[in-house]
Amino acid sequence: MKLKKYTFKSVTSTNDIAIKKIKKGIPSGIIIAKNQTKGRGRYGKKWISITNNLFMSIFFSLNKRISLKKLTFISCQIVKNSLIKLMQKKIKIKKPNDLLINNRKVCGILQEIVFFKNNKFAIIGIGVNINHSPNIIGYPTTYINSFTKKKISNPKISNEIKINFENYLDKIK
């Protein structure tokens, strides 16, 4: 399944834009923004969005029954494998939805299930620290390009994640 890309300079939250697209009758796609003003994490926690990191949401209809726990696991695996392919660095999943390099958070993933007009949709929000890492008290963070000799661009990472989600969606449809 090909996911149409929608890019923005700044949004409140890429997941919010995905919900708007669903309500306009668009069944799937990928939202990418350079900046997020009100990114969010699990349980309504704030996601600290530093401009020029990667903020994206992938949304698609869910025809098959899948638990949120399984969807979270699959999403983490897809993003982890995408990042490993590009940077050849060991990445660990900290359950339920964080990716760590050297025990420092590099990525957070937020899954949401939305119902609209008797249809079920999954929204996978992905925040990757590529060029900067936020200071979070009690939670060490890092960023991708601190581990690479040649800088990896946001489009390269978002495209790799997009391709891997498209391949996964082809298997479950």
Protein backbone atom coordinates (compact mmCIF):
# COMPACT_ATOMS: atom_id res chain seq x y z
CA MET A 1 0.00 0.00 0.00
CA LYS A 2 1.44 3.36 -1.00
CA LEU A 3 1.06 6.09 1.61
CA LYS A 4 0.58 9.60 0.25
CA LYS A 5 2.89 12.08 1.94
CA TYR A 6 1.62 15.37 3.36
CA THR A 7 4.36 17.75 4.51
CA PHE A 8 4.02 20.82 6.71
CA LYS A 9 6.38 23.43 8.12
CA SER A 10 4.60 23.54 11.48
CA VAL A 11 1.62 21.75 13.04
CA THR A 12 0.14 21.43 16.50
CA SER A 13 0.60 17.65 16.32
CA THR A 14 1.06 15.32 13.35
CA ASN A 15 -1.50 12.99 14.96
CA ASP A 16 -4.02 15.88 15.04
CA ILE A 17 -3.50 16.43 11.30
CA ALA A 18 -3.94 12.70 10.64
CA ILE A 19 -7.30 12.82 12.46
CA LYS A 20 -8.36 15.77 10.29
CA LYS A 21 -7.38 13.85 7.13
CA ILE A 22 -9.39 10.82 8.27
CA LYS A 23 -12.43 13.05 8.91
CA LYS A 24 -12.05 14.40 5.35
CA GLY A 25 -12.39 10.85 4.03
CA ILE A 26 -8.71 10.14 3.42
CA PRO A 27 -8.18 6.52 4.57
CA SER A 28 -4.37 6.48 4.77
CA GLY A 29 -1.29 8.61 4.49
CA ILE A 30 1.75 10.00 6.22
CA ILE A 31 2.04 13.42 7.84
CA ILE A 32 5.52 14.95 8.18
CA ALA A 33 6.30 18.26 9.89
CA LYS A 34 9.48 20.23 10.55
CA ASN A 35 7.98 21.58 13.75
CA GLN A 36 5.29 20.57 16.25
CA THR A 37 3.91 23.02 18.78
CA LYS A 38 1.83 20.59 20.86
CA GLY A 39 3.31 17.13 20.33
CA ARG A 40 2.05 14.55 22.77
CA GLY A 41 3.06 11.25 24.26
CA ARG A 42 1.25 8.56 26.18
CA TYR A 43 -1.30 9.52 28.81
CA GLY A 44 -1.39 13.10 27.55
CA LYS A 45 2.26 13.76 28.37
CA LYS A 46 3.94 16.48 26.33
CA TRP A 47 6.40 15.45 23.61
CA ILE A 48 9.19 18.01 23.51
CA SER A 49 9.51 18.91 19.84
CA ILE A 50 12.76 20.59 18.85
CA THR A 51 12.63 22.03 15.32
CA ASN A 52 14.47 19.99 12.66
CA ASN A 53 13.97 16.68 14.39
CA LEU A 54 11.51 14.29 12.74
CA PHE A 55 7.81 14.44 13.55
CA MET A 56 5.55 12.14 11.56
CA SER A 57 2.31 10.22 11.77
CA ILE A 58 1.28 7.29 9.66
CA PHE A 59 -2.43 6.57 9.47
CA PHE A 60 -4.40 3.75 7.86
CA SER A 61 -7.67 1.89 8.15
CA LEU A 62 -7.69 -1.23 10.28
CA ASN A 63 -9.78 -3.98 8.73
CA LYS A 64 -8.33 -6.80 10.78
CA ARG A 65 -8.53 -7.14 14.53
CA ILE A 66 -5.26 -6.16 16.13
CA SER A 67 -4.64 -5.19 19.71
CA LEU A 68 -3.09 -1.84 20.56
CA LYS A 69 -0.33 -3.75 22.36
CA LYS A 70 0.53 -5.72 19.21
CA LEU A 71 0.31 -2.59 17.05
CA THR A 72 2.70 -0.83 19.45
CA PHE A 73 5.16 -3.74 19.27
CA ILE A 74 5.03 -3.87 15.46
CA SER A 75 5.42 -0.08 15.13
CA CYS A 76 8.45 -0.09 17.43
CA GLN A 77 10.04 -2.93 15.44
CA ILE A 78 9.47 -1.16 12.11
CA VAL A 79 10.98 2.13 13.30
CA LYS A 80 13.85 0.37 15.10
CA ASN A 81 14.74 -1.67 12.00
CA SER A 82 14.52 1.45 9.81
CA LEU A 83 16.95 3.35 12.03
CA ILE A 84 19.36 0.41 12.37
CA LYS A 85 19.51 0.06 8.59
CA LEU A 86 20.56 3.69 8.22
CA MET A 87 23.02 4.00 11.07
CA GLN A 88 24.27 0.51 11.98
CA LYS A 89 23.87 1.16 15.70
CA LYS A 90 22.33 -1.07 18.35
CA ILE A 91 18.87 0.19 19.32
CA LYS A 92 16.83 -1.16 22.19
CA ILE A 93 13.07 -1.00 22.70
CA LYS A 94 12.05 0.23 26.14
CA LYS A 95 8.50 -1.02 26.51
CA PRO A 96 6.05 0.02 25.61
CA ASN A 97 7.03 2.63 23.02
CA ASP A 98 10.48 4.21 23.34
CA LEU A 99 13.63 3.49 21.36
CA LEU A 100 16.97 3.86 23.13
CA ILE A 101 20.59 4.09 22.05
CA ASN A 102 23.06 3.56 24.91
CA ASN A 103 20.11 3.74 27.35
CA ARG A 104 19.16 7.22 26.09
CA LYS A 105 15.83 7.97 24.41
CA VAL A 106 16.13 8.68 20.70
CA CYS A 107 12.54 8.05 19.62
CA GLY A 108 9.02 7.91 21.00
CA ILE A 109 6.06 6.28 19.28
CA LEU A 110 2.40 7.00 20.07
CA GLN A 111 -0.39 4.79 18.76
CA GLU A 112 -3.98 5.99 18.64
CA ILE A 113 -7.09 4.20 17.46
CA VAL A 114 -9.77 6.43 15.94
CA PHE A 115 -13.29 5.49 14.88
CA PHE A 116 -14.98 7.49 12.13
CA LYS A 117 -18.15 6.57 10.22
CA ASN A 118 -18.08 2.94 11.41
CA ASN A 119 -14.46 2.53 10.33
CA LYS A 120 -11.43 1.93 12.55
CA PHE A 121 -8.14 3.71 11.90
CA ALA A 122 -4.68 3.45 13.43
CA ILE A 123 -2.50 6.51 13.82
CA ILE A 124 1.17 5.92 14.58
CA GLY A 125 2.87 9.11 15.78
CA ILE A 126 6.66 8.97 15.58
CA GLY A 127 9.10 11.48 17.03
CA VAL A 128 12.78 10.91 16.27
CA ASN A 129 15.58 13.03 17.71
CA ILE A 130 17.74 13.39 14.62
CA ASN A 131 19.62 16.66 15.05
CA HIS A 132 18.96 17.65 18.67
CA SER A 133 17.90 16.03 21.91
CA PRO A 134 15.69 17.66 24.51
CA ASN A 135 16.71 17.97 28.15
CA ILE A 136 14.29 15.89 30.18
CA ILE A 137 14.88 15.69 33.92
CA GLY A 138 15.34 12.07 34.95
CA TYR A 139 15.21 10.72 31.40
CA PRO A 140 18.45 10.84 29.38
CA THR A 141 18.04 11.56 25.66
CA THR A 142 20.22 11.53 22.57
CA TYR A 143 19.97 12.14 18.83
CA ILE A 144 20.78 10.13 15.71
CA ASN A 145 23.41 12.38 14.14
CA SER A 146 25.57 12.33 17.26
CA PHE A 147 26.43 8.74 16.27
CA THR A 148 27.10 9.19 12.55
CA LYS A 149 30.11 10.48 10.64
CA LYS A 150 27.91 11.59 7.75
CA LYS A 151 24.70 13.34 8.78
CA ILE A 152 21.50 11.45 8.02
CA SER A 153 18.75 13.73 6.72
CA ASN A 154 15.18 13.84 7.98
CA PRO A 155 13.81 12.91 4.51
CA LYS A 156 16.09 9.87 4.33
CA ILE A 157 14.87 8.60 7.71
CA SER A 158 11.19 9.40 7.07
CA ASN A 159 11.36 7.68 3.67
CA GLU A 160 12.90 4.54 5.16
CA ILE A 161 10.19 4.39 7.84
CA LYS A 162 7.51 5.04 5.17
CA ILE A 163 8.76 2.20 2.95
CA ASN A 164 8.87 -0.24 5.85
CA PHE A 165 5.33 0.66 6.97
CA GLU A 166 4.10 0.30 3.37
CA ASN A 167 5.66 -3.18 3.18
CA TYR A 168 4.02 -4.13 6.48
CA LEU A 169 0.62 -2.81 5.39
CA ASP A 170 0.84 -4.83 2.15
CA LYS A 171 1.16 -7.98 4.28
CA ILE A 172 -1.85 -7.33 6.53
CA LYS A 173 -4.33 -6.08 3.91
